[in-house]
Amino acid sequence: SNKYKCEMGGGKPHMTRATKQFTIDTAPLVLTVQLKRFEYVPFGRGKLTQFVEYPLALDISGAMSDANPKARGKERYTLFAVLVHAGGSMHSGHYYCYVKSSAGVWYEMDDEGVSATSERTAL
């Protein structure tokens, strides 16, 4: 389905499978990942409701390019915060977050206050 016309190789032009890949030259000190959680629906945007599981640790070494060999070895990240949108659309709702302290305790932070919570709840 994702194909393009290939005229290389001296043979007959043919359709070949297309692939796209992005790599990272230098890993940032803090990695921020934003998941697309809204999709187009008639008359607006709808919120995607499927559960998304993510790890406590992330190794992006497989996504690193060879452009900056000195930057290698800094591709491992530990989750320390999660931002949550509660609400049915991108036009309304409420944001709150979970943050892990340096002592390893997870906290829920909301407009109303801060309270300790479990790692399982944060994930």
Foldseek 3Di string as FASTA:
>chain_A
DQWDWDPPDVDDIDIDHDDDAAAAAADDLDDDDDDPQWDDDPPAIWGHDDDDDDDQKDACQVRHDPNHVVRPPNRMDGDFKDKDFDDTHPVDTAIWMWGADPVGWIWTGGPVGIDTDDPVVRD
